[in-house]
Amino acid sequence: MTLRILYIAYFYPPLGGPAVLRNLKTIKYLSRMNCVIDVIAPADIEYLYRDESLTRQQRERQLMRTASADPMALLKKMRSSRKDQASDLYMNTPESIKLAMRRLWPVDNKIGWLPFLRKTGRKAIKENDYDLIYISLGPFSAGIGAYQLSKESGLPLVLDIRDYWTLLGDYELQGFAWQRNLSRHWENKLYHHASLIVTATQGIADDICEVFGVELYDKCHTMYNGWDESDFKDLEDIRPGEGFELAYFGNIYARRTLSKFYAAVQELHDEGSLPPQTKIKLYGNFFKETVMEAQNSGIAEMVEFIPQLSHKDALKAMLGSHVLLLTLNSSGPQGTLSSKVFEYLRCGRPILAMVPAYKEAAALLRQCHQPYICGMESSSSIRNTLRRLIREYDPQRVYPIPVNYERKAQVQSLAKLLKNLKSD
């Protein structure tokens, strides 16, 4: 049975990062499972991550690029510097100012994409015989367009929820009560209209159902980001080299910080407990606050910033690291789970997880025999856990790989549910 899907994704190659990878890999494996997929995505936008190499993995039948009037699209049009780099204006503007700008818009600051999404979606539905509409959220304002397309066409709507919307209490994107009420109205409407709600973590599904209705459990399905085993082809022989490298991958934003980690490392350094040639490497494009935090840490000479790598090269760097760093603030919701954790697990290296002890990330890590868990906000907890990790470190040890979190297996479960929607 062939399934024809209209897939809506704001984040798509040549952009990079977790949201893009989730969309790219979902489409890749669905296309191998007798699904024909057309994608609607905006034309080039200003964004933190770019990875042209990912375009070689695209498997959609048709990619429909649209214009957009959202700030990131307009900012990209205004500048003429290199396409593969985020602008200095975007990278160096203080996060407090960027947050204030985001709060000026109803629902979210990507709502300027909505009219272009609707126009392109209506044309695509008129010209093609789709079985369902699938949208990757956020931006959540795009969900309004998907809802309207679904209502007009009668096509089932599938929501792929990568993160929290109004339940993200530790990073308030809605600055005024009317914005929060408007977003909560649309969030409730979308969940109850959708035929299937796909969540990136179990905690997101649990919290949605607790707030918006336990009846939603019947149409919720958790599809973890996982890792793509094909990305690790020809990387089997990469091992850590000399020294002792603690590596972080991705961005640091909202209330996440490495300040207590730096303090813990400095204490271990002062007491002579660090292995020789210990280095902290931060891979990615980081905002001004993160760079200054490292510069003022007291151990700036140990910290090295490595500009964003292609996805393949980032995996090589992970495999070549002695310890992988993960950080999540304790004020985040139950189901906050950084997508990089799955590729970390696949690499089989020890993870220093500075995450809440009793939320989903920590439970996943314990399940996968990764015991080095400590609070991001406590330098003493980090110091003691890192000291234990160093004491127990075995360069020959490879941690077990939980194969059930591989992307292909995750998407296979999704495909069965999508085909059941067509049967219904």
Protein backbone atom coordinates (compact mmCIF):
# COMPACT_ATOMS: atom_id res chain seq x y z
CA MET A 1 0.00 0.00 0.00
CA THR A 2 1.48 3.34 -1.09
CA LEU A 3 1.02 6.24 1.31
CA ARG A 4 1.13 9.77 -0.14
CA ILE A 5 2.15 12.41 2.41
CA LEU A 6 2.27 16.20 2.33
CA TYR A 7 5.07 16.94 4.82
CA ILE A 8 5.47 20.47 6.26
CA ALA A 9 8.86 21.37 7.74
CA TYR A 10 10.23 24.82 8.52
CA PHE A 11 13.66 23.27 9.24
CA TYR A 12 15.11 21.39 6.28
CA PRO A 13 18.48 21.11 4.49
CA PRO A 14 20.70 22.93 3.73
CA LEU A 15 20.06 23.92 7.33
CA GLY A 16 21.51 21.59 9.95
CA GLY A 17 20.82 20.73 13.56
CA PRO A 18 18.48 18.39 15.46
CA ALA A 19 15.17 19.55 13.95
CA VAL A 20 16.52 19.16 10.41
CA LEU A 21 17.93 15.72 11.15
CA ARG A 22 14.61 14.53 12.57
CA ASN A 23 12.77 15.65 9.44
CA LEU A 24 15.43 14.37 7.05
CA LYS A 25 15.69 10.92 8.64
CA THR A 26 11.93 10.51 9.08
CA ILE A 27 11.41 11.19 5.39
CA LYS A 28 14.37 9.02 4.42
CA TYR A 29 13.01 5.93 6.13
CA LEU A 30 9.34 6.55 5.37
CA SER A 31 10.28 6.75 1.69
CA ARG A 32 11.79 3.26 2.00
CA MET A 33 8.53 2.00 3.48
CA ASN A 34 6.37 2.68 0.43
CA CYS A 35 5.62 6.32 1.25
CA VAL A 36 5.69 9.07 -1.36
CA ILE A 37 6.46 12.40 0.28
CA ASP A 38 6.23 15.99 -0.90
CA VAL A 39 7.80 18.61 1.38
CA ILE A 40 6.87 22.26 1.93
CA ALA A 41 9.70 24.31 3.44
CA PRO A 42 10.72 27.98 3.36
CA ALA A 43 13.51 29.25 1.17
CA ASP A 44 16.85 30.08 2.78
CA ILE A 45 16.72 31.62 6.27
CA GLU A 46 19.21 32.93 8.81
CA TYR A 47 20.03 30.02 11.11
CA LEU A 48 22.64 28.85 13.58
CA TYR A 49 23.40 25.55 11.84
CA ARG A 50 24.04 24.89 8.16
CA ASP A 51 25.13 21.61 6.63
CA GLU A 52 25.12 21.33 2.85
CA SER A 53 26.18 17.67 3.09
CA LEU A 54 22.71 16.74 4.36
CA THR A 55 21.14 17.63 1.00
CA ARG A 56 22.58 14.39 -0.39
CA GLN A 57 20.31 12.43 1.93
CA GLN A 58 17.03 14.04 0.86
CA ARG A 59 14.47 11.49 -0.33
CA GLU A 60 11.30 13.53 -0.91
CA ARG A 61 9.58 13.30 -4.30
CA GLN A 62 9.13 17.05 -4.52
CA LEU A 63 10.46 19.95 -2.46
CA MET A 64 8.28 23.07 -2.58
CA ARG A 65 10.22 26.10 -1.39
CA THR A 66 8.18 29.11 -0.32
CA ALA A 67 8.83 32.73 0.52
CA SER A 68 8.44 33.84 4.14
CA ALA A 69 8.03 37.13 5.99
CA ASP A 70 9.38 35.90 9.31
CA PRO A 71 12.42 37.67 10.83
CA MET A 72 14.93 34.91 10.04
CA ALA A 73 13.95 34.84 6.37
CA LEU A 74 14.01 38.64 6.12
CA LEU A 75 17.39 38.85 7.88
CA LYS A 76 18.85 36.39 5.36
CA LYS A 77 17.62 38.51 2.46
CA MET A 78 19.08 41.69 3.95
CA ARG A 79 22.68 40.52 4.07
CA SER A 80 25.05 39.41 1.35
CA SER A 81 27.77 37.60 3.31
CA ARG A 82 28.58 33.92 2.95
CA LYS A 83 25.56 31.65 2.82
CA ASP A 84 27.11 29.02 5.08
CA GLN A 85 27.65 31.31 8.08
CA ALA A 86 25.25 32.94 10.51
CA SER A 87 25.65 36.70 10.61
CA ASP A 88 27.57 38.50 13.35
CA LEU A 89 24.38 40.41 14.14
CA TYR A 90 22.54 37.17 14.86
CA MET A 91 25.39 35.53 16.79
CA ASN A 92 26.42 38.52 18.92
CA THR A 93 23.07 40.05 19.83
CA PRO A 94 22.49 39.39 23.55
CA GLU A 95 19.98 36.62 24.21
CA SER A 96 17.84 38.97 26.32
CA ILE A 97 17.30 41.22 23.29
CA LYS A 98 16.54 38.28 21.00
CA LEU A 99 14.02 36.95 23.51
CA ALA A 100 12.35 40.36 23.71
CA MET A 101 12.10 40.40 19.91
CA ARG A 102 10.58 36.91 19.84
CA ARG A 103 7.90 38.07 22.27
CA LEU A 104 6.63 40.74 19.89
CA TRP A 105 4.77 38.21 17.74
CA PRO A 106 1.50 36.33 18.25
CA VAL A 107 2.12 32.59 18.79
CA ASP A 108 5.78 32.79 17.66
CA ASN A 109 8.08 34.86 15.47
CA LYS A 110 7.78 32.47 12.51
CA ILE A 111 4.13 33.37 11.94
CA GLY A 112 5.20 35.36 8.86
CA TRP A 113 5.59 32.02 7.09
CA LEU A 114 1.91 31.16 7.59
CA PRO A 115 0.33 32.82 4.49
CA PHE A 116 2.97 31.35 2.17
CA LEU A 117 2.59 27.90 3.73
CA ARG A 118 -1.20 28.02 3.26
CA LYS A 119 -0.97 29.15 -0.36
CA THR A 120 1.56 26.48 -1.31
CA GLY A 121 -0.30 23.80 0.63
CA ARG A 122 -3.62 24.54 -1.05
CA LYS A 123 -2.01 24.35 -4.48
CA ALA A 124 -0.23 21.08 -3.65
CA ILE A 125 -3.43 19.46 -2.32
CA LYS A 126 -5.37 20.55 -5.39
CA GLU A 127 -2.77 19.02 -7.71
CA ASN A 128 -2.00 15.81 -5.80
CA ASP A 129 -3.93 12.98 -4.20
CA TYR A 130 -2.52 12.92 -0.66
CA ASP A 131 -3.54 10.55 2.11
CA LEU A 132 -2.53 12.79 5.02
CA ILE A 133 -0.78 15.97 6.11
CA TYR A 134 2.25 15.62 8.38
CA ILE A 135 3.74 18.68 10.08
CA SER A 136 6.90 18.98 12.15
CA LEU A 137 6.44 21.45 15.04
CA GLY A 138 7.85 24.01 15.87
CA PRO A 139 7.47 26.60 14.78
CA PHE A 140 4.04 26.15 16.30
CA SER A 141 2.46 28.94 14.27
CA ALA A 142 2.86 26.67 11.23
CA GLY A 143 0.44 24.30 12.93
CA ILE A 144 -2.35 26.82 12.34
CA GLY A 145 -1.74 26.54 8.61
CA ALA A 146 -1.65 22.74 8.75
CA TYR A 147 -4.91 22.72 10.71
CA GLN A 148 -6.59 24.95 8.13
CA LEU A 149 -5.34 22.80 5.24
CA SER A 150 -6.61 19.69 7.00
CA LYS A 151 -10.04 21.19 7.70
CA GLU A 152 -10.42 22.45 4.13
CA SER A 153 -9.31 19.20 2.47
CA GLY A 154 -10.62 16.64 4.94
CA LEU A 155 -7.15 15.03 5.09
CA PRO A 156 -6.00 13.53 8.41
CA LEU A 157 -3.47 15.67 10.26
CA VAL A 158 -0.40 14.24 11.99
CA LEU A 159 1.47 16.48 14.42
CA ASP A 160 5.14 15.76 15.10
CA ILE A 161 5.94 17.60 18.36
CA ARG A 162 9.70 17.99 18.81
CA ASP A 163 9.50 20.17 21.93
CA TYR A 164 7.11 21.76 24.38
CA TRP A 165 4.81 24.59 23.30
CA THR A 166 2.97 26.49 26.07
CA LEU A 167 4.11 23.96 28.67
CA LEU A 168 7.74 25.07 28.34
CA GLY A 169 7.69 26.97 31.60
CA ASP A 170 11.43 27.68 31.96
CA TYR A 171 11.72 29.67 28.72
CA GLU A 172 8.65 31.86 28.30
CA LEU A 173 8.32 32.84 24.65
CA GLN A 174 4.94 34.50 25.14
CA GLY A 175 5.49 37.81 26.89
CA PHE A 176 1.85 38.79 27.43
CA ALA A 177 -1.26 37.04 28.70
CA TRP A 178 -3.11 37.46 25.40
CA GLN A 179 -0.26 35.69 23.59
CA ARG A 180 -0.24 32.81 26.06
CA ASN A 181 -4.02 32.49 25.80
CA LEU A 182 -3.91 32.55 22.00
CA SER A 183 -1.20 29.90 21.89
CA ARG A 184 -2.97 27.72 24.46
CA HIS A 185 -6.20 27.99 22.41
CA TRP A 186 -4.46 26.81 19.24
CA GLU A 187 -2.49 24.12 21.04
CA ASN A 188 -5.69 22.62 22.43
CA LYS A 189 -7.45 22.89 19.05
CA LEU A 190 -4.59 21.20 17.20
CA TYR A 191 -4.26 18.30 19.62
CA HIS A 192 -7.95 17.48 19.54
CA HIS A 193 -8.21 17.80 15.77
CA ALA A 194 -5.13 15.72 14.98
CA SER A 195 -5.51 12.08 14.02
CA LEU A 196 -2.07 11.25 15.46
CA ILE A 197 0.30 13.10 17.80
CA VAL A 198 3.93 12.04 17.49
CA THR A 199 6.20 13.26 20.30
CA ALA A 200 9.99 13.30 20.52
CA THR A 201 9.90 12.12 24.15
CA GLN A 202 7.49 10.24 26.38
CA GLY A 203 7.46 13.12 28.85
CA ILE A 204 6.08 15.51 26.24
CA ALA A 205 3.20 13.11 25.57
CA ASP A 206 2.52 12.63 29.27
CA ASP A 207 2.44 16.36 29.96
CA ILE A 208 0.23 17.08 26.94
CA CYS A 209 -2.30 14.50 28.09
CA GLU A 210 -2.24 15.69 31.69
CA VAL A 211 -3.03 19.28 30.70
CA PHE A 212 -5.15 18.92 27.56
CA GLY A 213 -7.00 15.68 28.27
CA VAL A 214 -6.21 12.05 29.05
CA GLU A 215 -8.27 11.03 26.01
CA LEU A 216 -5.34 12.20 23.88
CA TYR A 217 -3.28 9.20 25.05
CA ASP A 218 -5.11 7.06 22.51
CA LYS A 219 -3.57 9.00 19.64
CA CYS A 220 -0.12 9.74 21.07
CA HIS A 221 2.99 7.94 19.89
CA THR A 222 6.58 8.58 21.02
CA MET A 223 9.22 8.50 18.30
CA TYR A 224 12.63 9.25 19.75
CA ASN A 225 15.20 11.00 17.58
CA GLY A 226 17.61 8.09 17.85
CA TRP A 227 20.61 7.84 15.54
CA ASP A 228 20.99 6.66 11.97
CA GLU A 229 23.28 3.64 11.81
CA SER A 230 24.19 4.44 8.21
CA ASP A 231 25.81 7.68 9.44
CA PHE A 232 28.39 5.58 11.31
CA LYS A 233 29.49 3.64 8.24
CA ASP A 234 33.31 3.57 7.95
CA LEU A 235 33.73 5.13 11.41
CA GLU A 236 34.23 1.89 13.36
CA ASP A 237 37.98 2.36 13.92
CA ILE A 238 37.91 5.88 15.35
CA ARG A 239 39.10 5.91 18.95
CA PRO A 240 40.18 8.65 21.39
CA GLY A 241 43.80 9.72 21.06
CA GLU A 242 46.28 11.19 23.52
CA GLY A 243 45.27 13.39 26.41
CA PHE A 244 41.80 13.56 27.92
CA GLU A 245 39.13 15.38 25.92
CA LEU A 246 35.74 16.35 27.34
CA ALA A 247 33.56 17.37 24.40
CA TYR A 248 30.26 19.20 24.06
CA PHE A 249 28.27 19.32 20.81
CA GLY A 250 25.48 21.70 19.85
CA ASN A 251 24.29 25.00 21.23
CA ILE A 252 23.80 26.25 24.80
CA TYR A 253 20.73 28.41 25.30
CA ALA A 254 17.90 29.39 27.65
CA ARG A 255 18.89 28.47 31.23
CA ARG A 256 21.54 25.94 30.27
CA THR A 257 25.07 26.78 31.33
CA LEU A 258 28.53 25.28 31.81
CA SER A 259 29.55 27.69 34.58
CA LYS A 260 29.34 25.12 37.40
CA PHE A 261 31.10 22.56 35.21
CA TYR A 262 33.99 24.98 34.71
CA ALA A 263 34.15 25.56 38.46
CA ALA A 264 34.26 21.81 39.10
CA VAL A 265 37.03 21.29 36.55
CA GLN A 266 39.05 24.12 38.09
CA GLU A 267 38.77 22.51 41.54
CA LEU A 268 39.92 19.15 40.18
CA HIS A 269 42.76 20.88 38.37
CA ASP A 270 43.88 22.69 41.51
CA GLU A 271 43.91 19.45 43.50
CA GLY A 272 45.79 17.59 40.76
CA SER A 273 42.99 15.16 39.95
CA LEU A 274 42.72 15.76 36.21
CA PRO A 275 44.45 13.44 33.71
CA PRO A 276 47.39 14.94 31.80
CA GLN A 277 46.51 17.14 28.84
CA THR A 278 42.85 17.55 29.82
CA LYS A 279 40.99 19.72 27.32
CA ILE A 280 37.39 20.92 27.03
CA LYS A 281 36.22 21.20 23.43
CA LEU A 282 32.96 22.89 22.46
CA TYR A 283 31.83 22.00 18.94
CA GLY A 284 29.28 24.27 17.27
CA ASN A 285 28.32 27.89 16.69
CA PHE A 286 27.87 29.50 20.09
CA PHE A 287 26.23 32.74 21.11
CA LYS A 288 28.12 35.55 22.76
CA GLU A 289 27.05 34.59 26.30
CA THR A 290 28.55 31.10 26.02
CA VAL A 291 31.88 32.41 24.70
CA MET A 292 32.14 34.98 27.48
CA GLU A 293 31.23 32.38 30.10
CA ALA A 294 34.22 30.29 29.03
CA GLN A 295 36.53 33.29 28.85
CA ASN A 296 35.63 34.25 32.43
CA SER A 297 35.73 30.70 33.80
CA GLY A 298 39.24 30.77 35.27
CA ILE A 299 40.24 27.85 33.06
CA ALA A 300 39.92 29.56 29.68
CA GLU A 301 43.24 28.07 28.57
CA MET A 302 41.66 24.58 28.77
CA VAL A 303 38.62 25.49 26.66
CA GLU A 304 38.65 25.36 22.86
CA PHE A 305 35.80 26.38 20.55
CA ILE A 306 35.56 24.43 17.29
CA PRO A 307 33.21 25.94 14.66
CA GLN A 308 30.30 23.82 13.49
CA LEU A 309 31.30 20.67 11.62
CA SER A 310 29.32 18.72 9.06
CA HIS A 311 27.19 16.03 10.66
CA LYS A 312 29.59 13.27 9.60
CA ASP A 313 32.62 15.12 10.94
CA ALA A 314 30.79 15.82 14.20
CA LEU A 315 30.24 12.08 14.63
CA LYS A 316 33.95 11.50 14.03
CA ALA A 317 34.75 14.06 16.72
CA MET A 318 32.33 12.39 19.15
CA LEU A 319 33.98 9.02 18.59
CA GLY A 320 37.38 10.63 19.09
CA SER A 321 36.43 12.15 22.46
CA HIS A 322 37.14 10.55 25.81
CA VAL A 323 34.04 11.94 27.55
CA LEU A 324 30.86 13.45 26.07
CA LEU A 325 29.13 16.31 27.88
CA LEU A 326 25.38 16.75 28.23
CA THR A 327 23.63 19.58 30.05
CA LEU A 328 19.95 20.21 30.90
CA ASN A 329 18.69 22.65 33.50
CA SER A 330 16.62 21.25 36.37
CA SER A 331 13.79 23.74 35.85
CA GLY A 332 12.93 22.21 32.48
CA PRO A 333 9.87 19.98 32.01
CA GLN A 334 9.88 16.24 32.65
CA GLY A 335 10.30 15.28 28.99
CA THR A 336 13.14 17.61 27.98
CA LEU A 337 15.67 15.36 26.29
CA SER A 338 18.48 16.68 24.11
CA SER A 339 18.50 14.82 20.81
CA LYS A 340 22.31 14.53 20.85
CA VAL A 341 22.04 11.97 23.65
CA PHE A 342 21.17 9.21 21.18
CA GLU A 343 24.24 9.76 19.02
CA TYR A 344 26.26 9.97 22.23
CA LEU A 345 24.89 6.56 23.23
CA ARG A 346 25.72 5.11 19.81
CA CYS A 347 29.33 6.31 20.17
CA GLY A 348 29.75 4.15 23.25
CA ARG A 349 31.75 6.74 25.19
CA PRO A 350 31.11 7.71 28.83
CA ILE A 351 28.67 10.60 29.19
CA LEU A 352 29.01 13.21 31.91
CA ALA A 353 25.31 14.03 32.13
CA MET A 354 24.63 17.27 33.96
CA VAL A 355 20.88 16.72 33.96
CA PRO A 356 17.99 16.51 36.46
CA ALA A 357 18.32 13.27 38.41
CA TYR A 358 14.69 12.12 38.20
CA LYS A 359 13.49 13.20 34.77
CA GLU A 360 13.40 11.42 31.42
CA ALA A 361 16.98 12.11 30.34
CA ALA A 362 18.46 10.59 33.50
CA ALA A 363 16.13 7.58 33.31
CA LEU A 364 17.19 6.92 29.71
CA LEU A 365 20.88 7.16 30.60
CA ARG A 366 20.55 4.78 33.54
CA GLN A 367 18.65 2.34 31.36
CA CYS A 368 21.59 2.46 28.94
CA HIS A 369 24.18 1.87 31.71
CA GLN A 370 25.49 5.44 31.73
CA PRO A 371 25.80 6.18 35.47
CA TYR A 372 27.60 9.55 35.55
CA ILE A 373 24.67 11.83 36.34
CA CYS A 374 24.88 15.10 38.29
CA GLY A 375 23.04 18.39 38.60
CA MET A 376 23.98 21.14 36.16
CA GLU A 377 23.51 23.72 38.93
CA SER A 378 25.86 22.08 41.48
CA SER A 379 29.64 22.35 41.09
CA SER A 380 30.18 19.91 43.97
CA SER A 381 27.91 17.31 42.36
CA ILE A 382 29.70 17.74 39.04
CA ARG A 383 33.12 17.63 40.70
CA ASN A 384 32.38 14.41 42.59
CA THR A 385 30.82 12.71 39.56
CA LEU A 386 33.64 13.74 37.24
CA ARG A 387 36.22 12.58 39.79
CA ARG A 388 34.49 9.17 39.88
CA LEU A 389 34.35 9.02 36.08
CA ILE A 390 38.09 9.74 35.86
CA ARG A 391 38.87 7.14 38.51
CA GLU A 392 36.79 4.48 36.73
CA TYR A 393 37.74 5.47 33.18
CA ASP A 394 38.78 2.48 31.06
CA PRO A 395 39.99 3.34 27.53
CA GLN A 396 39.05 -0.17 26.36
CA ARG A 397 35.49 -0.03 27.58
CA VAL A 398 32.70 0.47 25.04
CA TYR A 399 29.28 1.07 26.54
CA PRO A 400 26.40 -1.09 25.24
CA ILE A 401 24.48 0.36 22.31
CA PRO A 402 20.65 0.32 22.75
CA VAL A 403 19.64 -0.75 19.23
CA ASN A 404 15.94 -0.04 19.82
CA TYR A 405 16.71 3.70 19.60
CA GLU A 406 18.09 3.51 16.06
CA ARG A 407 16.14 5.82 13.72
CA LYS A 408 15.09 3.12 11.27
CA ALA A 409 13.39 1.15 14.05
CA GLN A 410 11.71 4.30 15.38
CA VAL A 411 10.34 5.27 11.96
CA GLN A 412 9.14 1.72 11.24
CA SER A 413 6.77 1.98 14.20
CA LEU A 414 5.56 5.35 12.94
CA ALA A 415 4.95 4.00 9.42
CA LYS A 416 2.57 1.34 10.72
CA LEU A 417 0.48 3.98 12.48
CA LEU A 418 0.40 6.24 9.42
CA LYS A 419 -0.78 3.39 7.19
CA ASN A 420 -3.49 2.57 9.72
CA LEU A 421 -4.77 6.14 9.28
CA LYS A 422 -5.23 5.49 5.58
CA SER A 423 -7.00 2.19 6.29
CA ASP A 424 -9.35 3.96 8.69
